[in-house]
Amino acid sequence: MKVKLDENIPASVMPALEGLGHSVDTVAGEGLKGALDESVWSAAGARGRFLVTQDLDFSDIHRFTPGTHPGLLLVRLREPGRTEVRRRVEALFRTEDVESWVGCFVVATDRKVRVRRPGA
């Protein structure tokens, strides 16, 4: 899977996801740190990358309708420290069928994963 990590996702997630066989880039690595959400979103879409973020600006399912993009994972933790975010994202990519999330709008909390699929 081709993945883009938003700047609010620790870059330390990158090696773990690459170790699982994913192609990963970061907003910072692409020179988009501090860029508008629209620019980040456009860059992810243009490169066919599944965006992983904590940014609530990406929480509007009507704006980010499943099937109209490569996919979006919104991570929403009670205590979103860097270590906890890293652990949760890594665990999701190790234990979930993330390949089936392509084109989906996914919200992951501390305990749940909700997947909105195209046409659902």
PDB file of N, CA and C in Angstrom:
ATOM      1  N   MET A   1       0.847  -1.174   0.000  1.00  0.00           N
ATOM      2  CA  MET A   1       0.000   0.000   0.000  1.00  0.00           C
ATOM      3  C   MET A   1       0.893   1.239   0.000  1.00  0.00           C
ATOM      4  N   LYS A   2       0.479   2.251  -0.724  1.00  0.00           N
ATOM      5  CA  LYS A   2       1.190   3.527  -0.736  1.00  0.00           C
ATOM      6  C   LYS A   2       0.563   4.428   0.324  1.00  0.00           C
ATOM      7  N   VAL A   3       1.382   4.890   1.270  1.00  0.00           N
ATOM      8  CA  VAL A   3       0.905   5.626   2.439  1.00  0.00           C
ATOM      9  C   VAL A   3       1.600   6.977   2.537  1.00  0.00           C
ATOM     10  N   LYS A   4       0.844   7.984   2.975  1.00  0.00           N
ATOM     11  CA  LYS A   4       1.419   9.286   3.306  1.00  0.00           C
ATOM     12  C   LYS A   4       1.078   9.572   4.761  1.00  0.00           C
ATOM     13  N   LEU A   5       2.097   9.889   5.562  1.00  0.00           N
ATOM     14  CA  LEU A   5       1.900  10.250   6.964  1.00  0.00           C
ATOM     15  C   LEU A   5       1.827  11.761   7.080  1.00  0.00           C
ATOM     16  N   ASP A   6       0.740  12.247   7.650  1.00  0.00           N
ATOM     17  CA  ASP A   6       0.597  13.680   7.891  1.00  0.00           C
ATOM     18  C   ASP A   6       1.618  14.099   8.946  1.00  0.00           C
ATOM     19  N   GLU A   7       1.849  15.389   9.061  1.00  0.00           N
ATOM     20  CA  GLU A   7       2.873  15.867   9.987  1.00  0.00           C
ATOM     21  C   GLU A   7       2.524  15.617  11.447  1.00  0.00           C
ATOM     22  N   ASN A   8       1.269  15.304  11.762  1.00  0.00           N
ATOM     23  CA  ASN A   8       0.881  15.020  13.141  1.00  0.00           C
ATOM     24  C   ASN A   8       0.985  13.531  13.482  1.00  0.00           C
ATOM     25  N   ILE A   9       1.515  12.748  12.563  1.00  0.00           N
ATOM     26  CA  ILE A   9       1.807  11.331  12.810  1.00  0.00           C
ATOM     27  C   ILE A   9       3.321  11.211  12.937  1.00  0.00           C
ATOM     28  N   PRO A  10       3.812  10.628  14.026  1.00  0.00           N
ATOM     29  CA  PRO A  10       5.264  10.551  14.214  1.00  0.00           C
ATOM     30  C   PRO A  10       5.982   9.883  13.046  1.00  0.00           C
ATOM     31  N   ALA A  11       7.051  10.496  12.594  1.00  0.00           N
ATOM     32  CA  ALA A  11       7.850   9.931  11.498  1.00  0.00           C
ATOM     33  C   ALA A  11       8.429   8.570  11.881  1.00  0.00           C
ATOM     34  N   SER A  12       8.500   8.287  13.176  1.00  0.00           N
ATOM     35  CA  SER A  12       9.021   6.996  13.632  1.00  0.00           C
ATOM     36  C   SER A  12       8.118   5.832  13.211  1.00  0.00           C
ATOM     37  N   VAL A  13       6.920   6.121  12.719  1.00  0.00           N
ATOM     38  CA  VAL A  13       6.014   5.091  12.207  1.00  0.00           C
ATOM     39  C   VAL A  13       6.528   4.561  10.867  1.00  0.00           C
ATOM     40  N   MET A  14       7.219   5.408  10.134  1.00  0.00           N
ATOM     41  CA  MET A  14       7.639   5.087   8.771  1.00  0.00           C
ATOM     42  C   MET A  14       8.420   3.773   8.659  1.00  0.00           C
ATOM     43  N   PRO A  15       9.487   3.566   9.443  1.00  0.00           N
ATOM     44  CA  PRO A  15      10.243   2.308   9.291  1.00  0.00           C
ATOM     45  C   PRO A  15       9.404   1.061   9.570  1.00  0.00           C
ATOM     46  N   ALA A  16       8.504   1.147  10.534  1.00  0.00           N
ATOM     47  CA  ALA A  16       7.671  -0.018  10.857  1.00  0.00           C
ATOM     48  C   ALA A  16       6.753  -0.360   9.685  1.00  0.00           C
ATOM     49  N   LEU A  17       6.140   0.645   9.074  1.00  0.00           N
ATOM     50  CA  LEU A  17       5.248   0.387   7.952  1.00  0.00           C
ATOM     51  C   LEU A  17       6.027  -0.093   6.730  1.00  0.00           C
ATOM     52  N   GLU A  18       7.198   0.487   6.517  1.00  0.00           N
ATOM     53  CA  GLU A  18       8.045   0.014   5.412  1.00  0.00           C
ATOM     54  C   GLU A  18       8.456  -1.436   5.640  1.00  0.00           C
ATOM     55  N   GLY A  19       8.717  -1.780   6.898  1.00  0.00           N
ATOM     56  CA  GLY A  19       9.074  -3.155   7.236  1.00  0.00           C
ATOM     57  C   GLY A  19       7.950  -4.140   6.963  1.00  0.00           C
ATOM     58  N   LEU A  20       6.728  -3.632   6.916  1.00  0.00           N
ATOM     59  CA  LEU A  20       5.569  -4.464   6.597  1.00  0.00           C
ATOM     60  C   LEU A  20       5.292  -4.484   5.088  1.00  0.00           C
ATOM     61  N   GLY A  21       6.162  -3.808   4.323  1.00  0.00           N
ATOM     62  CA  GLY A  21       6.045  -3.840   2.873  1.00  0.00           C
ATOM     63  C   GLY A  21       5.323  -2.671   2.239  1.00  0.00           C
ATOM     64  N   HIS A  22       5.028  -1.644   3.016  1.00  0.00           N
ATOM     65  CA  HIS A  22       4.328  -0.483   2.484  1.00  0.00           C
ATOM     66  C   HIS A  22       5.316   0.563   1.978  1.00  0.00           C
ATOM     67  N   SER A  23       4.899   1.319   0.984  1.00  0.00           N
ATOM     68  CA  SER A  23       5.666   2.450   0.477  1.00  0.00           C
ATOM     69  C   SER A  23       5.177   3.679   1.235  1.00  0.00           C
ATOM     70  N   VAL A  24       6.063   4.303   2.006  1.00  0.00           N
ATOM     71  CA  VAL A  24       5.637   5.380   2.903  1.00  0.00           C
ATOM     72  C   VAL A  24       6.403   6.661   2.611  1.00  0.00           C
ATOM     73  N   ASP A  25       5.663   7.771   2.559  1.00  0.00           N
ATOM     74  CA  ASP A  25       6.319   9.071   2.562  1.00  0.00           C
ATOM     75  C   ASP A  25       5.629   9.939   3.602  1.00  0.00           C
ATOM     76  N   THR A  26       6.255  11.052   3.906  1.00  0.00           N
ATOM     77  CA  THR A  26       5.725  11.942   4.933  1.00  0.00           C
ATOM     78  C   THR A  26       5.484  13.324   4.351  1.00  0.00           C
ATOM     79  N   VAL A  27       4.591  14.045   4.989  1.00  0.00           N
ATOM     80  CA  VAL A  27       4.321  15.421   4.593  1.00  0.00           C
ATOM     81  C   VAL A  27       5.598  16.244   4.718  1.00  0.00           C
ATOM     82  N   ALA A  28       6.320  16.070   5.811  1.00  0.00           N
ATOM     83  CA  ALA A  28       7.569  16.815   6.013  1.00  0.00           C
ATOM     84  C   ALA A  28       8.608  16.454   4.963  1.00  0.00           C
ATOM     85  N   GLY A  29       8.731  15.175   4.662  1.00  0.00           N
ATOM     86  CA  GLY A  29       9.708  14.724   3.681  1.00  0.00           C
ATOM     87  C   GLY A  29       9.424  15.219   2.277  1.00  0.00           C
ATOM     88  N   GLU A  30       8.178  15.582   2.041  1.00  0.00           N
ATOM     89  CA  GLU A  30       7.774  16.078   0.735  1.00  0.00           C
ATOM     90  C   GLU A  30       7.800  17.609   0.679  1.00  0.00           C
ATOM     91  N   GLY A  31       8.245  18.238   1.793  1.00  0.00           N
ATOM     92  CA  GLY A  31       8.317  19.694   1.822  1.00  0.00           C
ATOM     93  C   GLY A  31       6.981  20.365   2.024  1.00  0.00           C
ATOM     94  N   LEU A  32       6.020  19.645   2.602  1.00  0.00           N
ATOM     95  CA  LEU A  32       4.684  20.202   2.804  1.00  0.00           C
ATOM     96  C   LEU A  32       4.373  20.529   4.263  1.00  0.00           C
ATOM     97  N   LYS A  33       5.376  20.492   5.114  1.00  0.00           N
ATOM     98  CA  LYS A  33       5.155  20.795   6.526  1.00  0.00           C
ATOM     99  C   LYS A  33       4.580  22.200   6.644  1.00  0.00           C
ATOM    100  N   GLY A  34       3.473  22.333   7.355  1.00  0.00           N
ATOM    101  CA  GLY A  34       2.815  23.625   7.529  1.00  0.00           C
ATOM    102  C   GLY A  34       1.919  24.025   6.369  1.00  0.00           C
ATOM    103  N   ALA A  35       1.835  23.165   5.340  1.00  0.00           N
ATOM    104  CA  ALA A  35       1.009  23.470   4.173  1.00  0.00           C
ATOM    105  C   ALA A  35      -0.474  23.362   4.535  1.00  0.00           C
ATOM    106  N   LEU A  36      -1.287  24.001   3.733  1.00  0.00           N
ATOM    107  CA  LEU A  36      -2.732  23.908   3.906  1.00  0.00           C
ATOM    108  C   LEU A  36      -3.184  22.467   3.715  1.00  0.00           C
ATOM    109  N   ASP A  37      -4.259  22.100   4.397  1.00  0.00           N
ATOM    110  CA  ASP A  37      -4.801  20.743   4.281  1.00  0.00           C
ATOM    111  C   ASP A  37      -5.104  20.383   2.833  1.00  0.00           C
ATOM    112  N   GLU A  38      -5.594  21.340   2.073  1.00  0.00           N
ATOM    113  CA  GLU A  38      -5.918  21.086   0.673  1.00  0.00           C
ATOM    114  C   GLU A  38      -4.674  20.660  -0.103  1.00  0.00           C
ATOM    115  N   SER A  39      -3.535  21.271   0.207  1.00  0.00           N
ATOM    116  CA  SER A  39      -2.288  20.909  -0.468  1.00  0.00           C
ATOM    117  C   SER A  39      -1.838  19.505  -0.090  1.00  0.00           C
ATOM    118  N   VAL A  40      -1.964  19.170   1.184  1.00  0.00           N
ATOM    119  CA  VAL A  40      -1.602  17.831   1.655  1.00  0.00           C
ATOM    120  C   VAL A  40      -2.511  16.791   0.992  1.00  0.00           C
ATOM    121  N   TRP A  41      -3.806  17.090   0.976  1.00  0.00           N
ATOM    122  CA  TRP A  41      -4.787  16.188   0.387  1.00  0.00           C
ATOM    123  C   TRP A  41      -4.527  15.993  -1.107  1.00  0.00           C
ATOM    124  N   SER A  42      -4.262  17.081  -1.803  1.00  0.00           N
ATOM    125  CA  SER A  42      -3.984  17.010  -3.242  1.00  0.00           C
ATOM    126  C   SER A  42      -2.730  16.187  -3.521  1.00  0.00           C
ATOM    127  N   ALA A  43      -1.689  16.395  -2.715  1.00  0.00           N
ATOM    128  CA  ALA A  43      -0.445  15.649  -2.908  1.00  0.00           C
ATOM    129  C   ALA A  43      -0.660  14.162  -2.681  1.00  0.00           C
ATOM    130  N   ALA A  44      -1.420  13.818  -1.654  1.00  0.00           N
ATOM    131  CA  ALA A  44      -1.692  12.402  -1.385  1.00  0.00           C
ATOM    132  C   ALA A  44      -2.468  11.788  -2.552  1.00  0.00           C
ATOM    133  N   GLY A  45      -3.492  12.478  -2.998  1.00  0.00           N
ATOM    134  CA  GLY A  45      -4.308  11.966  -4.095  1.00  0.00           C
ATOM    135  C   GLY A  45      -3.541  11.846  -5.398  1.00  0.00           C
ATOM    136  N   ALA A  46      -2.725  12.856  -5.698  1.00  0.00           N
ATOM    137  CA  ALA A  46      -1.969  12.862  -6.952  1.00  0.00           C
ATOM    138  C   ALA A  46      -0.996  11.697  -7.022  1.00  0.00           C
ATOM    139  N   ARG A  47      -0.529  11.244  -5.865  1.00  0.00           N
ATOM    140  CA  ARG A  47       0.430  10.142  -5.818  1.00  0.00           C
ATOM    141  C   ARG A  47      -0.228   8.809  -5.434  1.00  0.00           C
ATOM    142  N   GLY A  48      -1.555   8.830  -5.322  1.00  0.00           N
ATOM    143  CA  GLY A  48      -2.277   7.602  -4.990  1.00  0.00           C
ATOM    144  C   GLY A  48      -1.962   7.070  -3.614  1.00  0.00           C
ATOM    145  N   ARG A  49      -1.736   7.983  -2.661  1.00  0.00           N
ATOM    146  CA  ARG A  49      -1.333   7.567  -1.317  1.00  0.00           C
ATOM    147  C   ARG A  49      -2.478   7.669  -0.316  1.00  0.00           C
ATOM    148  N   PHE A  50      -2.572   6.653   0.518  1.00  0.00           N
ATOM    149  CA  PHE A  50      -3.527   6.562   1.611  1.00  0.00           C
ATOM    150  C   PHE A  50      -3.022   7.488   2.722  1.00  0.00           C
ATOM    151  N   LEU A  51      -3.813   8.484   3.104  1.00  0.00           N
ATOM    152  CA  LEU A  51      -3.386   9.480   4.091  1.00  0.00           C
ATOM    153  C   LEU A  51      -3.704   9.026   5.507  1.00  0.00           C
ATOM    154  N   VAL A  52      -2.703   9.092   6.386  1.00  0.00           N
ATOM    155  CA  VAL A  52      -2.871   8.796   7.811  1.00  0.00           C
ATOM    156  C   VAL A  52      -2.687  10.104   8.552  1.00  0.00           C
ATOM    157  N   THR A  53      -3.711  10.508   9.343  1.00  0.00           N
ATOM    158  CA  THR A  53      -3.693  11.804  10.001  1.00  0.00           C
ATOM    159  C   THR A  53      -4.453  11.775  11.317  1.00  0.00           C
ATOM    160  N   GLN A  54      -4.229  12.798  12.126  1.00  0.00           N
ATOM    161  CA  GLN A  54      -5.036  13.037  13.318  1.00  0.00           C
ATOM    162  C   GLN A  54      -5.855  14.319  13.150  1.00  0.00           C
ATOM    163  N   ASP A  55      -5.707  14.976  12.038  1.00  0.00           N
ATOM    164  CA  ASP A  55      -6.293  16.286  11.793  1.00  0.00           C
ATOM    165  C   ASP A  55      -7.807  16.189  11.594  1.00  0.00           C
ATOM    166  N   LEU A  56      -8.573  16.796  12.496  1.00  0.00           N
ATOM    167  CA  LEU A  56     -10.025  16.748  12.418  1.00  0.00           C
ATOM    168  C   LEU A  56     -10.581  17.473  11.196  1.00  0.00           C
ATOM    169  N   ASP A  57      -9.764  18.281  10.535  1.00  0.00           N
ATOM    170  CA  ASP A  57     -10.217  18.917   9.296  1.00  0.00           C
ATOM    171  C   ASP A  57     -10.511  17.865   8.225  1.00  0.00           C
ATOM    172  N   PHE A  58     -10.009  16.658   8.411  1.00  0.00           N
ATOM    173  CA  PHE A  58     -10.258  15.569   7.469  1.00  0.00           C
ATOM    174  C   PHE A  58     -11.407  14.660   7.928  1.00  0.00           C
ATOM    175  N   SER A  59     -12.185  15.092   8.912  1.00  0.00           N
ATOM    176  CA  SER A  59     -13.229  14.238   9.484  1.00  0.00           C
ATOM    177  C   SER A  59     -14.577  14.309   8.768  1.00  0.00           C
ATOM    178  N   ASP A  60     -14.729  15.171   7.788  1.00  0.00           N
ATOM    179  CA  ASP A  60     -15.999  15.341   7.084  1.00  0.00           C
ATOM    180  C   ASP A  60     -16.150  14.276   5.995  1.00  0.00           C
ATOM    181  N   ILE A  61     -16.953  13.267   6.295  1.00  0.00           N
ATOM    182  CA  ILE A  61     -17.117  12.154   5.351  1.00  0.00           C
ATOM    183  C   ILE A  61     -17.794  12.587   4.059  1.00  0.00           C
ATOM    184  N   HIS A  62     -18.537  13.688   4.092  1.00  0.00           N
ATOM    185  CA  HIS A  62     -19.172  14.190   2.865  1.00  0.00           C
ATOM    186  C   HIS A  62     -18.132  14.827   1.949  1.00  0.00           C
ATOM    187  N   ARG A  63     -17.161  15.465   2.539  1.00  0.00           N
ATOM    188  CA  ARG A  63     -16.087  16.080   1.756  1.00  0.00           C
ATOM    189  C   ARG A  63     -15.086  15.022   1.268  1.00  0.00           C
ATOM    190  N   PHE A  64     -14.850  14.015   2.098  1.00  0.00           N
ATOM    191  CA  PHE A  64     -13.892  12.953   1.790  1.00  0.00           C
ATOM    192  C   PHE A  64     -14.650  11.641   1.585  1.00  0.00           C
ATOM    193  N   THR A  65     -15.551  11.660   0.659  1.00  0.00           N
ATOM    194  CA  THR A  65     -16.449  10.544   0.378  1.00  0.00           C
ATOM    195  C   THR A  65     -15.674   9.296  -0.054  1.00  0.00           C
ATOM    196  N   PRO A  66     -15.951   8.166   0.598  1.00  0.00           N
ATOM    197  CA  PRO A  66     -15.276   6.925   0.208  1.00  0.00           C
ATOM    198  C   PRO A  66     -15.438   6.657  -1.292  1.00  0.00           C
ATOM    199  N   GLY A  67     -14.361   6.215  -1.909  1.00  0.00           N
ATOM    200  CA  GLY A  67     -14.366   5.906  -3.321  1.00  0.00           C
ATOM    201  C   GLY A  67     -13.917   7.056  -4.210  1.00  0.00           C
ATOM    202  N   THR A  68     -13.735   8.235  -3.615  1.00  0.00           N
ATOM    203  CA  THR A  68     -13.309   9.398  -4.396  1.00  0.00           C
ATOM    204  C   THR A  68     -11.852   9.747  -4.160  1.00  0.00           C
ATOM    205  N   HIS A  69     -11.152   8.905  -3.415  1.00  0.00           N
ATOM    206  CA  HIS A  69      -9.760   9.153  -3.045  1.00  0.00           C
ATOM    207  C   HIS A  69      -9.067   7.829  -2.740  1.00  0.00           C
ATOM    208  N   PRO A  70      -7.733   7.849  -2.585  1.00  0.00           N
ATOM    209  CA  PRO A  70      -6.998   6.608  -2.302  1.00  0.00           C
ATOM    210  C   PRO A  70      -7.258   6.021  -0.915  1.00  0.00           C
ATOM    211  N   GLY A  71      -7.798   6.797  -0.004  1.00  0.00           N
ATOM    212  CA  GLY A  71      -8.095   6.326   1.341  1.00  0.00           C
ATOM    213  C   GLY A  71      -7.600   7.282   2.395  1.00  0.00           C
ATOM    214  N   LEU A  72      -8.244   7.219   3.559  1.00  0.00           N
ATOM    215  CA  LEU A  72      -7.962   8.135   4.651  1.00  0.00           C
ATOM    216  C   LEU A  72      -8.153   7.411   5.973  1.00  0.00           C
ATOM    217  N   LEU A  73      -7.133   7.468   6.835  1.00  0.00           N
ATOM    218  CA  LEU A  73      -7.223   6.941   8.191  1.00  0.00           C
ATOM    219  C   LEU A  73      -7.119   8.110   9.145  1.00  0.00           C
ATOM    220  N   LEU A  74      -8.180   8.357   9.896  1.00  0.00           N
ATOM    221  CA  LEU A  74      -8.213   9.403  10.914  1.00  0.00           C
ATOM    222  C   LEU A  74      -8.026   8.726  12.268  1.00  0.00           C
ATOM    223  N   VAL A  75      -6.928   9.045  12.933  1.00  0.00           N
ATOM    224  CA  VAL A  75      -6.593   8.443  14.228  1.00  0.00           C
ATOM    225  C   VAL A  75      -7.084   9.370  15.326  1.00  0.00           C
ATOM    226  N   ARG A  76      -7.976   8.859  16.181  1.00  0.00           N
ATOM    227  CA  ARG A  76      -8.558   9.657  17.258  1.00  0.00           C
ATOM    228  C   ARG A  76      -8.373   8.933  18.587  1.00  0.00           C
ATOM    229  N   LEU A  77      -7.332   9.288  19.321  1.00  0.00           N
ATOM    230  CA  LEU A  77      -7.036   8.653  20.604  1.00  0.00           C
ATOM    231  C   LEU A  77      -7.380   9.583  21.754  1.00  0.00           C
ATOM    232  N   ARG A  78      -7.729   9.000  22.891  1.00  0.00           N
ATOM    233  CA  ARG A  78      -8.019   9.816  24.080  1.00  0.00           C
ATOM    234  C   ARG A  78      -6.807  10.612  24.521  1.00  0.00           C
ATOM    235  N   GLU A  79      -5.653   9.955  24.518  1.00  0.00           N
ATOM    236  CA  GLU A  79      -4.405  10.608  24.902  1.00  0.00           C
ATOM    237  C   GLU A  79      -3.434  10.444  23.738  1.00  0.00           C
ATOM    238  N   PRO A  80      -3.486  11.393  22.795  1.00  0.00           N
ATOM    239  CA  PRO A  80      -2.733  11.228  21.549  1.00  0.00           C
ATOM    240  C   PRO A  80      -1.266  11.657  21.607  1.00  0.00           C
ATOM    241  N   GLY A  81      -0.547  11.170  22.594  1.00  0.00           N
ATOM    242  CA  GLY A  81       0.891  11.432  22.641  1.00  0.00           C
ATOM    243  C   GLY A  81       1.586  10.710  21.499  1.00  0.00           C
ATOM    244  N   ARG A  82       2.781  11.142  21.181  1.00  0.00           N
ATOM    245  CA  ARG A  82       3.522  10.577  20.044  1.00  0.00           C
ATOM    246  C   ARG A  82       3.692   9.057  20.158  1.00  0.00           C
ATOM    247  N   THR A  83       4.021   8.589  21.356  1.00  0.00           N
ATOM    248  CA  THR A  83       4.239   7.157  21.553  1.00  0.00           C
ATOM    249  C   THR A  83       2.953   6.372  21.332  1.00  0.00           C
ATOM    250  N   GLU A  84       1.846   6.870  21.876  1.00  0.00           N
ATOM    251  CA  GLU A  84       0.576   6.161  21.728  1.00  0.00           C
ATOM    252  C   GLU A  84       0.098   6.165  20.286  1.00  0.00           C
ATOM    253  N   VAL A  85       0.266   7.278  19.592  1.00  0.00           N
ATOM    254  CA  VAL A  85      -0.124   7.338  18.181  1.00  0.00           C
ATOM    255  C   VAL A  85       0.716   6.353  17.376  1.00  0.00           C
ATOM    256  N   ARG A  86       2.014   6.365  17.613  1.00  0.00           N
ATOM    257  CA  ARG A  86       2.896   5.430  16.899  1.00  0.00           C
ATOM    258  C   ARG A  86       2.464   3.988  17.147  1.00  0.00           C
ATOM    259  N   ARG A  87       2.239   3.641  18.396  1.00  0.00           N
ATOM    260  CA  ARG A  87       1.840   2.267  18.744  1.00  0.00           C
ATOM    261  C   ARG A  87       0.531   1.877  18.068  1.00  0.00           C
ATOM    262  N   ARG A  88      -0.436   2.789  18.091  1.00  0.00           N
ATOM    263  CA  ARG A  88      -1.752   2.466  17.525  1.00  0.00           C
ATOM    264  C   ARG A  88      -1.675   2.289  16.008  1.00  0.00           C
ATOM    265  N   VAL A  89      -1.000   3.194  15.332  1.00  0.00           N
ATOM    266  CA  VAL A  89      -0.890   3.097  13.875  1.00  0.00           C
ATOM    267  C   VAL A  89      -0.137   1.830  13.490  1.00  0.00           C
ATOM    268  N   GLU A  90       0.969   1.558  14.155  1.00  0.00           N
ATOM    269  CA  GLU A  90       1.726   0.348  13.855  1.00  0.00           C
ATOM    270  C   GLU A  90       0.879  -0.898  14.099  1.00  0.00           C
ATOM    271  N   ALA A  91       0.139  -0.923  15.196  1.00  0.00           N
ATOM    272  CA  ALA A  91      -0.710  -2.075  15.508  1.00  0.00           C
ATOM    273  C   ALA A  91      -1.793  -2.264  14.443  1.00  0.00           C
ATOM    274  N   LEU A  92      -2.378  -1.175  13.989  1.00  0.00           N
ATOM    275  CA  LEU A  92      -3.406  -1.275  12.950  1.00  0.00           C
ATOM    276  C   LEU A  92      -2.836  -1.889  11.680  1.00  0.00           C
ATOM    277  N   PHE A  93      -1.673  -1.432  11.275  1.00  0.00           N
ATOM    278  CA  PHE A  93      -1.074  -1.936  10.043  1.00  0.00           C
ATOM    279  C   PHE A  93      -0.571  -3.372  10.187  1.00  0.00           C
ATOM    280  N   ARG A  94      -0.315  -3.813  11.418  1.00  0.00           N
ATOM    281  CA  ARG A  94       0.103  -5.203  11.642  1.00  0.00           C
ATOM    282  C   ARG A  94      -1.091  -6.151  11.731  1.00  0.00           C
ATOM    283  N   THR A  95      -2.212  -5.682  12.295  1.00  0.00           N
ATOM    284  CA  THR A  95      -3.312  -6.602  12.619  1.00  0.00           C
ATOM    285  C   THR A  95      -4.547  -6.479  11.735  1.00  0.00           C
ATOM    286  N   GLU A  96      -4.715  -5.371  11.062  1.00  0.00           N
ATOM    287  CA  GLU A  96      -5.906  -5.163  10.229  1.00  0.00           C
ATOM    288  C   GLU A  96      -5.579  -5.421   8.763  1.00  0.00           C
ATOM    289  N   ASP A  97      -6.603  -5.687   7.988  1.00  0.00           N
ATOM    290  CA  ASP A  97      -6.450  -5.871   6.545  1.00  0.00           C
ATOM    291  C   ASP A  97      -6.473  -4.483   5.893  1.00  0.00           C
ATOM    292  N   VAL A  98      -5.389  -3.740   6.080  1.00  0.00           N
ATOM    293  CA  VAL A  98      -5.339  -2.354   5.612  1.00  0.00           C
ATOM    294  C   VAL A  98      -5.426  -2.252   4.097  1.00  0.00           C
ATOM    295  N   GLU A  99      -5.008  -3.288   3.380  1.00  0.00           N
ATOM    296  CA  GLU A  99      -5.117  -3.261   1.916  1.00  0.00           C
ATOM    297  C   GLU A  99      -6.574  -3.095   1.491  1.00  0.00           C
ATOM    298  N   SER A 100      -7.503  -3.609   2.293  1.00  0.00           N
ATOM    299  CA  SER A 100      -8.930  -3.492   1.970  1.00  0.00           C
ATOM    300  C   SER A 100      -9.462  -2.086   2.257  1.00  0.00           C
ATOM    301  N   TRP A 101      -8.637  -1.238   2.851  1.00  0.00           N
ATOM    302  CA  TRP A 101      -9.046   0.132   3.169  1.00  0.00           C
ATOM    303  C   TRP A 101      -8.823   1.107   2.022  1.00  0.00           C
ATOM    304  N   VAL A 102      -8.235   0.667   0.932  1.00  0.00           N
ATOM    305  CA  VAL A 102      -8.001   1.557  -0.201  1.00  0.00           C
ATOM    306  C   VAL A 102      -9.341   2.141  -0.643  1.00  0.00           C
ATOM    307  N   GLY A 103      -9.397   3.463  -0.750  1.00  0.00           N
ATOM    308  CA  GLY A 103     -10.620   4.153  -1.145  1.00  0.00           C
ATOM    309  C   GLY A 103     -11.611   4.366  -0.016  1.00  0.00           C
ATOM    310  N   CYS A 104     -11.272   3.915   1.191  1.00  0.00           N
ATOM    311  CA  CYS A 104     -12.190   4.004   2.325  1.00  0.00           C
ATOM    312  C   CYS A 104     -11.881   5.194   3.236  1.00  0.00           C
ATOM    313  N   PHE A 105     -12.865   5.532   4.053  1.00  0.00           N
ATOM    314  CA  PHE A 105     -12.727   6.533   5.104  1.00  0.00           C
ATOM    315  C   PHE A 105     -12.720   5.738   6.403  1.00  0.00           C
ATOM    316  N   VAL A 106     -11.590   5.735   7.106  1.00  0.00           N
ATOM    317  CA  VAL A 106     -11.414   4.895   8.287  1.00  0.00           C
ATOM    318  C   VAL A 106     -11.149   5.782   9.503  1.00  0.00           C
ATOM    319  N   VAL A 107     -11.840   5.495  10.600  1.00  0.00           N
ATOM    320  CA  VAL A 107     -11.590   6.181  11.862  1.00  0.00           C
ATOM    321  C   VAL A 107     -11.178   5.128  12.875  1.00  0.00           C
ATOM    322  N   ALA A 108     -10.020   5.348  13.495  1.00  0.00           N
ATOM    323  CA  ALA A 108      -9.526   4.419  14.511  1.00  0.00           C
ATOM    324  C   ALA A 108      -9.414   5.151  15.841  1.00  0.00           C
ATOM    325  N   THR A 109     -10.049   4.579  16.855  1.00  0.00           N
ATOM    326  CA  THR A 109      -9.935   5.096  18.211  1.00  0.00           C
ATOM    327  C   THR A 109      -9.054   4.135  18.999  1.00  0.00           C
ATOM    328  N   ASP A 110      -8.997   4.331  20.300  1.00  0.00           N
ATOM    329  CA  ASP A 110      -8.207   3.440  21.145  1.00  0.00           C
ATOM    330  C   ASP A 110      -8.684   1.996  21.051  1.00  0.00           C
ATOM    331  N   ARG A 111      -9.982   1.798  20.855  1.00  0.00           N
ATOM    332  CA  ARG A 111     -10.543   0.456  20.898  1.00  0.00           C
ATOM    333  C   ARG A 111     -11.254   0.001  19.640  1.00  0.00           C
ATOM    334  N   LYS A 112     -11.653   0.944  18.785  1.00  0.00           N
ATOM    335  CA  LYS A 112     -12.468   0.581  17.627  1.00  0.00           C
ATOM    336  C   LYS A 112     -11.835   1.032  16.328  1.00  0.00           C
ATOM    337  N   VAL A 113     -12.285   0.371  15.277  1.00  0.00           N
ATOM    338  CA  VAL A 113     -11.946   0.785  13.913  1.00  0.00           C
ATOM    339  C   VAL A 113     -13.266   0.788  13.144  1.00  0.00           C
ATOM    340  N   ARG A 114     -13.600   1.942  12.583  1.00  0.00           N
ATOM    341  CA  ARG A 114     -14.807   2.063  11.755  1.00  0.00           C
ATOM    342  C   ARG A 114     -14.359   2.320  10.316  1.00  0.00           C
ATOM    343  N   VAL A 115     -14.840   1.505   9.415  1.00  0.00           N
ATOM    344  CA  VAL A 115     -14.460   1.608   8.010  1.00  0.00           C
ATOM    345  C   VAL A 115     -15.712   1.927   7.194  1.00  0.00           C
ATOM    346  N   ARG A 116     -15.663   3.056   6.515  1.00  0.00           N
ATOM    347  CA  ARG A 116     -16.730   3.410   5.564  1.00  0.00           C
ATOM    348  C   ARG A 116     -16.204   3.117   4.176  1.00  0.00           C
ATOM    349  N   ARG A 117     -16.837   2.176   3.517  1.00  0.00           N
ATOM    350  CA  ARG A 117     -16.399   1.737   2.198  1.00  0.00           C
ATOM    351  C   ARG A 117     -17.170   2.469   1.098  1.00  0.00           C
ATOM    352  N   PRO A 118     -16.596   2.516  -0.092  1.00  0.00           N
ATOM    353  CA  PRO A 118     -17.301   3.143  -1.205  1.00  0.00           C
ATOM    354  C   PRO A 118     -18.686   2.513  -1.396  1.00  0.00           C
ATOM    355  N   GLY A 119     -19.677   3.362  -1.602  1.00  0.00           N
ATOM    356  CA  GLY A 119     -21.032   2.894  -1.834  1.00  0.00           C
ATOM    357  C   GLY A 119     -21.791   2.471  -0.599  1.00  0.00           C
ATOM    358  N   ALA A 120     -21.157   2.559   0.562  1.00  0.00           N
ATOM    359  CA  ALA A 120     -21.845   2.126   1.796  1.00  0.00           C
ATOM    360  C   ALA A 120     -22.613   3.275   2.430  1.00  0.00           C
TER     361      ALA A 120
END
